[in-house]
C-alpha atoms as a PDB file:
ATOM      1  CA  MET A   1     138.714  93.203 125.328  1.00  0.00           C
ATOM      2  CA  LYS A   2     141.168  93.379 122.508  1.00  0.00           C
ATOM      3  CA  LEU A   3     144.739  93.862 123.736  1.00  0.00           C
ATOM      4  CA  ALA A   4     147.637  94.781 121.461  1.00  0.00           C
ATOM      5  CA  THR A   5     151.386  95.287 121.593  1.00  0.00           C
ATOM      6  CA  TYR A   6     152.451  98.164 119.358  1.00  0.00           C
ATOM      7  CA  ARG A   7     154.927 100.890 118.567  1.00  0.00           C
ATOM      8  CA  HIS A   8     153.869 104.451 117.740  1.00  0.00           C
ATOM      9  CA  ARG A   9     156.359 106.064 115.376  1.00  0.00           C
ATOM     10  CA  THR A  10     159.778 105.803 117.060  1.00  0.00           C
ATOM     11  CA  GLY A  11     158.359 105.489 120.569  1.00  0.00           C
ATOM     12  CA  PRO A  12     158.752 102.543 122.923  1.00  0.00           C
ATOM     13  CA  ILE A  13     156.976  99.229 122.525  1.00  0.00           C
ATOM     14  CA  THR A  14     153.837  99.472 124.608  1.00  0.00           C
ATOM     15  CA  LEU A  15     150.429  97.952 125.287  1.00  0.00           C
ATOM     16  CA  GLY A  16     147.027  99.169 124.167  1.00  0.00           C
ATOM     17  CA  ALA A  17     143.338  98.313 124.168  1.00  0.00           C
ATOM     18  CA  VAL A  18     141.757  98.287 120.712  1.00  0.00           C
ATOM     19  CA  ILE A  19     138.491 100.249 120.458  1.00  0.00           C
ATOM     20  CA  ASP A  20     136.042  99.860 117.558  1.00  0.00           C
ATOM     21  CA  GLY A  21     138.758  98.185 115.483  1.00  0.00           C
ATOM     22  CA  GLU A  22     140.118 101.641 114.638  1.00  0.00           C
ATOM     23  CA  ARG A  23     141.707 103.175 117.744  1.00  0.00           C
ATOM     24  CA  LEU A  24     144.090 102.236 120.542  1.00  0.00           C
ATOM     25  CA  VAL A  25     143.916 103.324 124.160  1.00  0.00           C
ATOM     26  CA  PRO A  26     147.487 103.286 125.518  1.00  0.00           C
ATOM     27  CA  LEU A  27     147.964 101.015 128.536  1.00  0.00           C
ATOM     28  CA  GLY A  28     151.719 101.416 128.790  1.00  0.00           C
ATOM     29  CA  ASP A  29     151.786 102.352 132.478  1.00  0.00           C
ATOM     30  CA  LEU A  30     149.622  99.416 133.491  1.00  0.00           C
ATOM     31  CA  ALA A  31     152.149  96.570 132.982  1.00  0.00           C
ATOM     32  CA  ASN A  32     155.680  96.007 131.744  1.00  0.00           C
ATOM     33  CA  ASP A  33     154.609  93.883 128.766  1.00  0.00           C
ATOM     34  CA  MET A  34     151.861  91.515 127.663  1.00  0.00           C
ATOM     35  CA  ILE A  35     153.095  88.568 129.719  1.00  0.00           C
ATOM     36  CA  ASP A  36     153.164  90.788 132.821  1.00  0.00           C
ATOM     37  CA  LEU A  37     149.632  92.001 132.033  1.00  0.00           C
ATOM     38  CA  ILE A  38     148.347  88.444 131.544  1.00  0.00           C
ATOM     39  CA  THR A  39     150.071  87.241 134.726  1.00  0.00           C
ATOM     40  CA  ARG A  40     148.521  90.029 136.809  1.00  0.00           C
ATOM     41  CA  TRP A  41     145.200  90.212 134.976  1.00  0.00           C
ATOM     42  CA  GLY A  42     143.234  89.369 138.121  1.00  0.00           C
ATOM     43  CA  ALA A  43     144.525  92.586 139.701  1.00  0.00           C
ATOM     44  CA  LEU A  44     144.775  94.735 136.556  1.00  0.00           C
ATOM     45  CA  GLY A  45     141.831  93.661 134.419  1.00  0.00           C
ATOM     46  CA  ASP A  46     139.278  96.037 135.913  1.00  0.00           C
ATOM     47  CA  GLU A  47     141.621  99.009 135.491  1.00  0.00           C
ATOM     48  CA  ALA A  48     142.360  98.026 131.898  1.00  0.00           C
ATOM     49  CA  ARG A  49     138.628  97.923 131.180  1.00  0.00           C
ATOM     50  CA  ARG A  50     138.103 101.294 132.897  1.00  0.00           C
ATOM     51  CA  LEU A  51     140.826 102.926 130.805  1.00  0.00           C
ATOM     52  CA  ALA A  52     139.425 101.422 127.627  1.00  0.00           C
ATOM     53  CA  THR A  53     135.921 102.610 128.456  1.00  0.00           C
ATOM     54  CA  ALA A  54     137.079 106.135 129.312  1.00  0.00           C
ATOM     55  CA  ALA A  55     139.069 106.301 126.053  1.00  0.00           C
ATOM     56  CA  THR A  56     140.148 109.904 126.587  1.00  0.00           C
ATOM     57  CA  ASP A  57     143.559 109.477 124.934  1.00  0.00           C
ATOM     58  CA  THR A  58     143.474 107.350 121.783  1.00  0.00           C
ATOM     59  CA  VAL A  59     145.819 106.647 118.897  1.00  0.00           C
ATOM     60  CA  PRO A  60     144.572 105.686 115.407  1.00  0.00           C
ATOM     61  CA  LEU A  61     145.444 102.092 114.535  1.00  0.00           C
ATOM     62  CA  SER A  62     146.570 103.384 111.155  1.00  0.00           C
ATOM     63  CA  ALA A  63     149.308 105.388 112.887  1.00  0.00           C
ATOM     64  CA  VAL A  64     150.985 102.498 114.709  1.00  0.00           C
ATOM     65  CA  ARG A  65     152.856  99.306 113.919  1.00  0.00           C
ATOM     66  CA  LEU A  66     151.146  96.345 115.534  1.00  0.00           C
ATOM     67  CA  LEU A  67     153.624  93.770 116.831  1.00  0.00           C
ATOM     68  CA  ALA A  68     153.022  90.164 117.795  1.00  0.00           C
ATOM     69  CA  PRO A  69     150.818  90.505 120.907  1.00  0.00           C
ATOM     70  CA  VAL A  70     153.319  88.391 122.883  1.00  0.00           C
ATOM     71  CA  PRO A  71     156.683  89.254 121.292  1.00  0.00           C
ATOM     72  CA  ARG A  72     158.711  86.754 123.351  1.00  0.00           C
ATOM     73  CA  PRO A  73     156.480  83.928 124.561  1.00  0.00           C
ATOM     74  CA  GLY A  74     157.985  81.297 126.809  1.00  0.00           C
ATOM     75  CA  LYS A  75     156.714  78.495 124.563  1.00  0.00           C
ATOM     76  CA  ILE A  76     155.121  78.108 121.149  1.00  0.00           C
ATOM     77  CA  MET A  77     153.434  74.740 120.732  1.00  0.00           C
ATOM     78  CA  ALA A  78     151.555  73.639 117.617  1.00  0.00           C
ATOM     79  CA  ILE A  79     149.426  70.620 116.792  1.00  0.00           C
ATOM     80  CA  GLY A  80     149.521  68.791 113.461  1.00  0.00           C
ATOM     81  CA  LEU A  81     146.801  67.000 111.474  1.00  0.00           C
ATOM     82  CA  ASN A  82     143.877  68.437 113.423  1.00  0.00           C
ATOM     83  CA  TYR A  83     141.182  69.078 110.772  1.00  0.00           C
ATOM     84  CA  ALA A  84     139.622  66.146 108.891  1.00  0.00           C
ATOM     85  CA  ASP A  85     139.916  67.793 105.458  1.00  0.00           C
ATOM     86  CA  HIS A  86     143.591  68.606 106.032  1.00  0.00           C
ATOM     87  CA  ILE A  87     144.250  65.019 107.144  1.00  0.00           C
ATOM     88  CA  ALA A  88     142.541  63.759 103.974  1.00  0.00           C
ATOM     89  CA  GLU A  89     144.514  66.014 101.650  1.00  0.00           C
ATOM     90  CA  THR A  90     147.801  64.799 103.166  1.00  0.00           C
ATOM     91  CA  GLY A  91     146.816  61.147 102.725  1.00  0.00           C
ATOM     92  CA  ALA A  92     147.378  60.479 106.414  1.00  0.00           C
ATOM     93  CA  GLN A  93     145.199  58.581 108.861  1.00  0.00           C
ATOM     94  CA  THR A  94     143.281  60.413 111.582  1.00  0.00           C
ATOM     95  CA  PRO A  95     145.720  60.340 114.503  1.00  0.00           C
ATOM     96  CA  ALA A  96     144.740  58.405 117.602  1.00  0.00           C
ATOM     97  CA  ASN A  97     146.851  60.773 119.681  1.00  0.00           C
ATOM     98  CA  GLN A  98     147.630  64.459 119.393  1.00  0.00           C
ATOM     99  CA  ILE A  99     150.720  65.241 117.293  1.00  0.00           C
ATOM    100  CA  TRP A 100     152.703  68.093 118.824  1.00  0.00           C
ATOM    101  CA  PHE A 101     155.757  70.059 117.763  1.00  0.00           C
ATOM    102  CA  SER A 102     157.273  73.360 118.824  1.00  0.00           C
ATOM    103  CA  LYS A 103     157.925  76.481 116.841  1.00  0.00           C
ATOM    104  CA  GLN A 104     160.948  78.332 118.177  1.00  0.00           C
ATOM    105  CA  ILE A 105     160.764  81.878 119.535  1.00  0.00           C
ATOM    106  CA  ASN A 106     162.832  83.339 116.673  1.00  0.00           C
ATOM    107  CA  ALA A 107     159.881  82.553 114.379  1.00  0.00           C
ATOM    108  CA  VAL A 108     157.618  85.169 116.021  1.00  0.00           C
ATOM    109  CA  THR A 109     156.800  88.161 113.853  1.00  0.00           C
ATOM    110  CA  GLY A 110     154.089  90.792 113.662  1.00  0.00           C
ATOM    111  CA  PRO A 111     150.632  90.434 112.129  1.00  0.00           C
ATOM    112  CA  PHE A 112     151.471  92.694 109.180  1.00  0.00           C
ATOM    113  CA  ASP A 113     155.248  92.273 108.976  1.00  0.00           C
ATOM    114  CA  PRO A 114     157.095  90.673 106.040  1.00  0.00           C
ATOM    115  CA  VAL A 115     157.741  86.932 106.205  1.00  0.00           C
ATOM    116  CA  ASP A 116     160.882  85.408 104.717  1.00  0.00           C
ATOM    117  CA  ILE A 117     161.237  82.969 101.869  1.00  0.00           C
ATOM    118  CA  PRO A 118     164.487  81.475 103.254  1.00  0.00           C
ATOM    119  CA  LYS A 119     167.594  81.196 101.084  1.00  0.00           C
ATOM    120  CA  VAL A 120     167.630  77.433 101.639  1.00  0.00           C
ATOM    121  CA  SER A 121     163.908  77.014 101.016  1.00  0.00           C
ATOM    122  CA  ARG A 122     162.312  74.722  98.452  1.00  0.00           C
ATOM    123  CA  PHE A 123     158.656  75.051  99.486  1.00  0.00           C
ATOM    124  CA  VAL A 124     157.188  77.645 101.864  1.00  0.00           C
ATOM    125  CA  ASP A 125     153.518  77.106 102.730  1.00  0.00           C
ATOM    126  CA  TYR A 126     150.761  78.828 104.718  1.00  0.00           C
ATOM    127  CA  GLU A 127     148.515  77.351 107.421  1.00  0.00           C
ATOM    128  CA  ALA A 128     145.581  79.395 108.748  1.00  0.00           C
ATOM    129  CA  GLU A 129     145.194  78.712 112.475  1.00  0.00           C
ATOM    130  CA  LEU A 130     143.320  79.726 115.591  1.00  0.00           C
ATOM    131  CA  VAL A 131     145.923  80.629 118.228  1.00  0.00           C
ATOM    132  CA  ALA A 132     145.200  80.256 121.946  1.00  0.00           C
ATOM    133  CA  ILE A 133     147.092  82.375 124.479  1.00  0.00           C
ATOM    134  CA  VAL A 134     147.542  80.763 127.884  1.00  0.00           C
ATOM    135  CA  GLY A 135     146.342  82.728 130.902  1.00  0.00           C
ATOM    136  CA  LYS A 136     146.835  81.308 134.350  1.00  0.00           C
ATOM    137  CA  GLY A 137     147.827  77.967 132.825  1.00  0.00           C
ATOM    138  CA  GLY A 138     149.130  75.311 135.157  1.00  0.00           C
ATOM    139  CA  ARG A 139     149.838  71.583 135.207  1.00  0.00           C
ATOM    140  CA  HIS A 140     147.432  68.651 134.842  1.00  0.00           C
ATOM    141  CA  ILE A 141     144.597  70.881 133.671  1.00  0.00           C
ATOM    142  CA  SER A 142     141.401  68.905 133.130  1.00  0.00           C
ATOM    143  CA  LYS A 143     139.376  69.364 129.970  1.00  0.00           C
ATOM    144  CA  GLU A 144     136.603  70.856 132.118  1.00  0.00           C
ATOM    145  CA  ALA A 145     138.985  73.384 133.691  1.00  0.00           C
ATOM    146  CA  ALA A 146     140.762  74.267 130.440  1.00  0.00           C
ATOM    147  CA  PRO A 147     138.513  77.231 129.496  1.00  0.00           C
ATOM    148  CA  GLY A 148     139.619  78.994 132.672  1.00  0.00           C
ATOM    149  CA  ALA A 149     143.279  78.518 131.761  1.00  0.00           C
ATOM    150  CA  VAL A 150     143.075  80.383 128.427  1.00  0.00           C
ATOM    151  CA  PHE A 151     143.471  84.167 128.425  1.00  0.00           C
ATOM    152  CA  GLY A 152     142.358  84.789 124.867  1.00  0.00           C
ATOM    153  CA  PHE A 153     142.704  84.061 121.174  1.00  0.00           C
ATOM    154  CA  CYS A 154     144.510  85.368 118.084  1.00  0.00           C
ATOM    155  CA  VAL A 155     144.732  84.757 114.363  1.00  0.00           C
ATOM    156  CA  GLY A 156     147.882  82.903 113.266  1.00  0.00           C
ATOM    157  CA  ASP A 157     149.735  81.501 110.282  1.00  0.00           C
ATOM    158  CA  ASP A 158     151.810  78.386 110.979  1.00  0.00           C
ATOM    159  CA  VAL A 159     154.194  79.119 108.108  1.00  0.00           C
ATOM    160  CA  SER A 160     155.926  75.888 107.120  1.00  0.00           C
ATOM    161  CA  GLU A 161     158.947  75.036 104.988  1.00  0.00           C
ATOM    162  CA  ARG A 162     157.766  71.682 103.658  1.00  0.00           C
ATOM    163  CA  PHE A 163     161.116  70.284 102.489  1.00  0.00           C
ATOM    164  CA  TRP A 164     162.718  70.875 105.888  1.00  0.00           C
ATOM    165  CA  GLN A 165     159.548  69.707 107.646  1.00  0.00           C
ATOM    166  CA  ASN A 166     159.368  66.395 105.806  1.00  0.00           C
ATOM    167  CA  ARG A 167     162.992  65.437 105.279  1.00  0.00           C
ATOM    168  CA  THR A 168     163.067  63.948 108.800  1.00  0.00           C
ATOM    169  CA  ALA A 169     160.446  62.586 111.207  1.00  0.00           C
ATOM    170  CA  GLN A 170     160.845  65.698 113.382  1.00  0.00           C
ATOM    171  CA  TRP A 171     159.118  68.871 112.158  1.00  0.00           C
ATOM    172  CA  VAL A 172     160.754  71.499 114.381  1.00  0.00           C
ATOM    173  CA  LEU A 173     163.267  72.850 111.853  1.00  0.00           C
ATOM    174  CA  GLY A 174     160.720  73.105 109.069  1.00  0.00           C
ATOM    175  CA  LYS A 175     158.390  75.032 111.359  1.00  0.00           C
ATOM    176  CA  SER A 176     160.912  77.369 112.988  1.00  0.00           C
ATOM    177  CA  PHE A 177     162.532  79.548 110.337  1.00  0.00           C
ATOM    178  CA  ASP A 178     162.863  83.212 111.296  1.00  0.00           C
ATOM    179  CA  THR A 179     159.549  85.128 110.835  1.00  0.00           C
ATOM    180  CA  HIS A 180     157.505  81.932 110.323  1.00  0.00           C
ATOM    181  CA  ALA A 181     155.111  82.461 113.262  1.00  0.00           C
ATOM    182  CA  PRO A 182     153.058  85.601 112.600  1.00  0.00           C
ATOM    183  CA  PHE A 183     150.061  86.044 114.895  1.00  0.00           C
ATOM    184  CA  GLY A 184     147.753  88.790 116.118  1.00  0.00           C
ATOM    185  CA  PRO A 185     146.553  91.346 115.268  1.00  0.00           C
ATOM    186  CA  TRP A 186     145.700  91.477 118.986  1.00  0.00           C
ATOM    187  CA  ILE A 187     144.515  89.153 121.741  1.00  0.00           C
ATOM    188  CA  THR A 188     140.739  88.973 122.039  1.00  0.00           C
ATOM    189  CA  THR A 189     140.081  87.936 125.626  1.00  0.00           C
ATOM    190  CA  SER A 190     138.210  84.705 126.250  1.00  0.00           C
ATOM    191  CA  ASP A 191     135.195  86.417 127.818  1.00  0.00           C
ATOM    192  CA  GLU A 192     134.633  88.355 124.593  1.00  0.00           C
ATOM    193  CA  VAL A 193     135.163  85.336 122.310  1.00  0.00           C
ATOM    194  CA  GLY A 194     132.869  82.932 124.124  1.00  0.00           C
ATOM    195  CA  ASP A 195     132.957  79.473 122.534  1.00  0.00           C
ATOM    196  CA  PRO A 196     136.118  79.306 120.362  1.00  0.00           C
ATOM    197  CA  HIS A 197     134.763  76.271 118.523  1.00  0.00           C
ATOM    198  CA  VAL A 198     132.201  78.086 116.355  1.00  0.00           C
ATOM    199  CA  LEU A 199     134.475  80.468 114.434  1.00  0.00           C
ATOM    200  CA  GLY A 200     134.830  80.663 110.677  1.00  0.00           C
ATOM    201  CA  ILE A 201     138.469  80.530 109.550  1.00  0.00           C
ATOM    202  CA  ARG A 202     139.872  81.459 106.141  1.00  0.00           C
ATOM    203  CA  GLY A 203     143.275  81.471 104.437  1.00  0.00           C
ATOM    204  CA  ILE A 204     143.528  83.810 101.446  1.00  0.00           C
ATOM    205  CA  VAL A 205     146.505  83.946  99.072  1.00  0.00           C
ATOM    206  CA  ASN A 206     146.761  86.897  96.686  1.00  0.00           C
ATOM    207  CA  GLY A 207     143.018  87.435  97.028  1.00  0.00           C
ATOM    208  CA  GLU A 208     142.105  83.769  96.404  1.00  0.00           C
ATOM    209  CA  THR A 209     140.379  81.958  99.277  1.00  0.00           C
ATOM    210  CA  ARG A 210     142.154  78.612  99.584  1.00  0.00           C
ATOM    211  CA  GLN A 211     141.175  77.605 103.104  1.00  0.00           C
ATOM    212  CA  SER A 212     137.625  78.005 104.413  1.00  0.00           C
ATOM    213  CA  SER A 213     136.416  76.073 107.423  1.00  0.00           C
ATOM    214  CA  ASN A 214     135.157  76.432 110.975  1.00  0.00           C
ATOM    215  CA  THR A 215     136.852  75.721 114.295  1.00  0.00           C
ATOM    216  CA  SER A 216     133.964  73.337 115.038  1.00  0.00           C
ATOM    217  CA  ASN A 217     135.841  70.938 112.726  1.00  0.00           C
ATOM    218  CA  LEU A 218     138.878  70.549 114.995  1.00  0.00           C
ATOM    219  CA  VAL A 219     139.615  66.866 115.638  1.00  0.00           C
ATOM    220  CA  PHE A 220     141.009  67.684 119.095  1.00  0.00           C
ATOM    221  CA  ASN A 221     139.458  70.903 120.337  1.00  0.00           C
ATOM    222  CA  VAL A 222     141.239  73.603 122.317  1.00  0.00           C
ATOM    223  CA  TRP A 223     140.270  72.127 125.690  1.00  0.00           C
ATOM    224  CA  ASP A 224     141.535  68.674 124.628  1.00  0.00           C
ATOM    225  CA  GLN A 225     144.788  70.297 123.619  1.00  0.00           C
ATOM    226  CA  LEU A 226     145.391  72.085 126.924  1.00  0.00           C
ATOM    227  CA  ALA A 227     144.569  68.946 128.878  1.00  0.00           C
ATOM    228  CA  GLU A 228     147.073  66.947 126.816  1.00  0.00           C
ATOM    229  CA  LEU A 229     149.913  69.474 126.905  1.00  0.00           C
ATOM    230  CA  SER A 230     149.585  70.166 130.613  1.00  0.00           C
ATOM    231  CA  GLN A 231     150.138  66.523 131.471  1.00  0.00           C
ATOM    232  CA  VAL A 232     153.681  66.994 130.162  1.00  0.00           C
ATOM    233  CA  MET A 233     154.607  70.622 130.797  1.00  0.00           C
ATOM    234  CA  THR A 234     153.539  73.516 132.966  1.00  0.00           C
ATOM    235  CA  LEU A 235     151.644  75.974 130.780  1.00  0.00           C
ATOM    236  CA  GLU A 236     152.560  79.540 131.690  1.00  0.00           C
ATOM    237  CA  PRO A 237     151.023  82.969 131.090  1.00  0.00           C
ATOM    238  CA  GLY A 238     151.621  84.117 127.522  1.00  0.00           C
ATOM    239  CA  ASP A 239     152.444  80.689 126.078  1.00  0.00           C
ATOM    240  CA  VAL A 240     151.224  80.434 122.485  1.00  0.00           C
ATOM    241  CA  ILE A 241     149.338  77.428 121.105  1.00  0.00           C
ATOM    242  CA  TYR A 242     148.672  76.986 117.381  1.00  0.00           C
ATOM    243  CA  THR A 243     145.597  74.751 117.233  1.00  0.00           C
ATOM    244  CA  GLY A 244     145.725  73.248 113.727  1.00  0.00           C
ATOM    245  CA  THR A 245     144.955  74.155 110.116  1.00  0.00           C
ATOM    246  CA  PRO A 246     142.097  73.155 107.798  1.00  0.00           C
ATOM    247  CA  GLY A 247     142.460  71.790 104.275  1.00  0.00           C
ATOM    248  CA  GLY A 248     143.582  73.898 101.347  1.00  0.00           C
ATOM    249  CA  VAL A 249     147.321  74.294 101.946  1.00  0.00           C
ATOM    250  CA  GLY A 250     149.616  74.904  98.992  1.00  0.00           C
ATOM    251  CA  ALA A 251     151.332  71.527  99.266  1.00  0.00           C
ATOM    252  CA  ALA A 252     148.017  69.754  98.574  1.00  0.00           C
ATOM    253  CA  MET A 253     147.114  71.754  95.467  1.00  0.00           C
ATOM    254  CA  LYS A 254     147.388  70.180  92.032  1.00  0.00           C
ATOM    255  CA  PRO A 255     149.973  71.128  91.025  1.00  0.00           C
ATOM    256  CA  PRO A 256     151.515  72.053  94.402  1.00  0.00           C
ATOM    257  CA  ALA A 257     151.778  75.823  94.883  1.00  0.00           C
ATOM    258  CA  PRO A 258     154.634  77.052  97.076  1.00  0.00           C
ATOM    259  CA  LEU A 259     154.631  80.656  98.181  1.00  0.00           C
ATOM    260  CA  LYS A 260     157.026  82.974  96.402  1.00  0.00           C
ATOM    261  CA  ALA A 261     158.409  86.453  96.989  1.00  0.00           C
ATOM    262  CA  GLY A 262     155.691  89.006  96.327  1.00  0.00           C
ATOM    263  CA  ASP A 263     152.802  86.824  97.545  1.00  0.00           C
ATOM    264  CA  LYS A 264     150.421  88.091 100.219  1.00  0.00           C
ATOM    265  CA  VAL A 265     148.715  85.779 102.693  1.00  0.00           C
ATOM    266  CA  ARG A 266     145.713  86.955 104.691  1.00  0.00           C
ATOM    267  CA  ILE A 267     144.275  84.862 107.530  1.00  0.00           C
ATOM    268  CA  GLU A 268     140.826  85.741 108.883  1.00  0.00           C
ATOM    269  CA  ILE A 269     138.918  84.342 111.856  1.00  0.00           C
ATOM    270  CA  ASP A 270     135.447  85.479 112.810  1.00  0.00           C
ATOM    271  CA  ARG A 271     135.357  87.828 115.815  1.00  0.00           C
ATOM    272  CA  LEU A 272     139.179  87.853 116.068  1.00  0.00           C
ATOM    273  CA  GLY A 273     140.171  89.955 113.057  1.00  0.00           C
ATOM    274  CA  ALA A 274     142.785  89.277 110.410  1.00  0.00           C
ATOM    275  CA  ILE A 275     146.516  89.269 109.798  1.00  0.00           C
ATOM    276  CA  GLU A 276     148.158  89.830 106.429  1.00  0.00           C
ATOM    277  CA  ASN A 277     151.805  89.202 105.606  1.00  0.00           C
ATOM    278  CA  GLY A 278     153.776  89.854 102.466  1.00  0.00           C
ATOM    279  CA  PHE A 279     156.368  87.204 101.602  1.00  0.00           C
ATOM    280  CA  VAL A 280     159.845  88.408 100.668  1.00  0.00           C
ATOM    281  CA  ALA A 281     163.197  86.875  99.788  1.00  0.00           C
ATOM    282  CA  GLU A 282     165.256  86.408 102.960  1.00  0.00           C
ATOM    283  CA  ARG A 283     166.810  89.755 103.763  1.00  0.00           C
END
């Protein structure tokens, strides 16, 4: 299934199942929000599928504003240096251990919403990423059990302010500006995705494809990542995990190419859809 959080005109924020990539079946009475739906999916999943299949009351996607599928996740974790070509373009060594940082909740924004070029920014960059949404989660999840702990997948852009990222050894500030975590356009559930490590991924800036790779090229795959994180923290329903970006970021171009107001960044992942954000001067 494809599950979205959206607003229709001036109505309330609600949930929907995406049909044929063109229509939404409202699921607003099924759960309070996406985290509630994910938490109770064992009890609600069959009814959600029944409603989607019946599809008697649909809304055109073109008539709604899609929001981040999980507007207020409990955690946003992101891994750095996780594709070989991106490691090479940064001049770094392949890490022996996973490099983790958090993006703060204020960074969440919708899949088609504007993204800020901050007033204090020197270099805003894009990072096309597969995003995993935690399902039942847990602690000390083995690599073998990790597929059962993931609810589904999204398309994401780990927007990064490179000056703030690199001026200290800690990346959190440079990764956590307001609006710098767009993801969506919906959650494609794990059963529909199948193996998440065979998906083409592309980052496109103003119509120019700058990133083109496949999730098979992850250094630490999604199951490695869940196993590592869950040794430290309890992963909870609706937690968001950015799984790494391939080569082709603006900071590695010659000359370097920061994003500017007026630019459009589109991120595409096979079977998951696409997000597209216009970049604007901080409002």
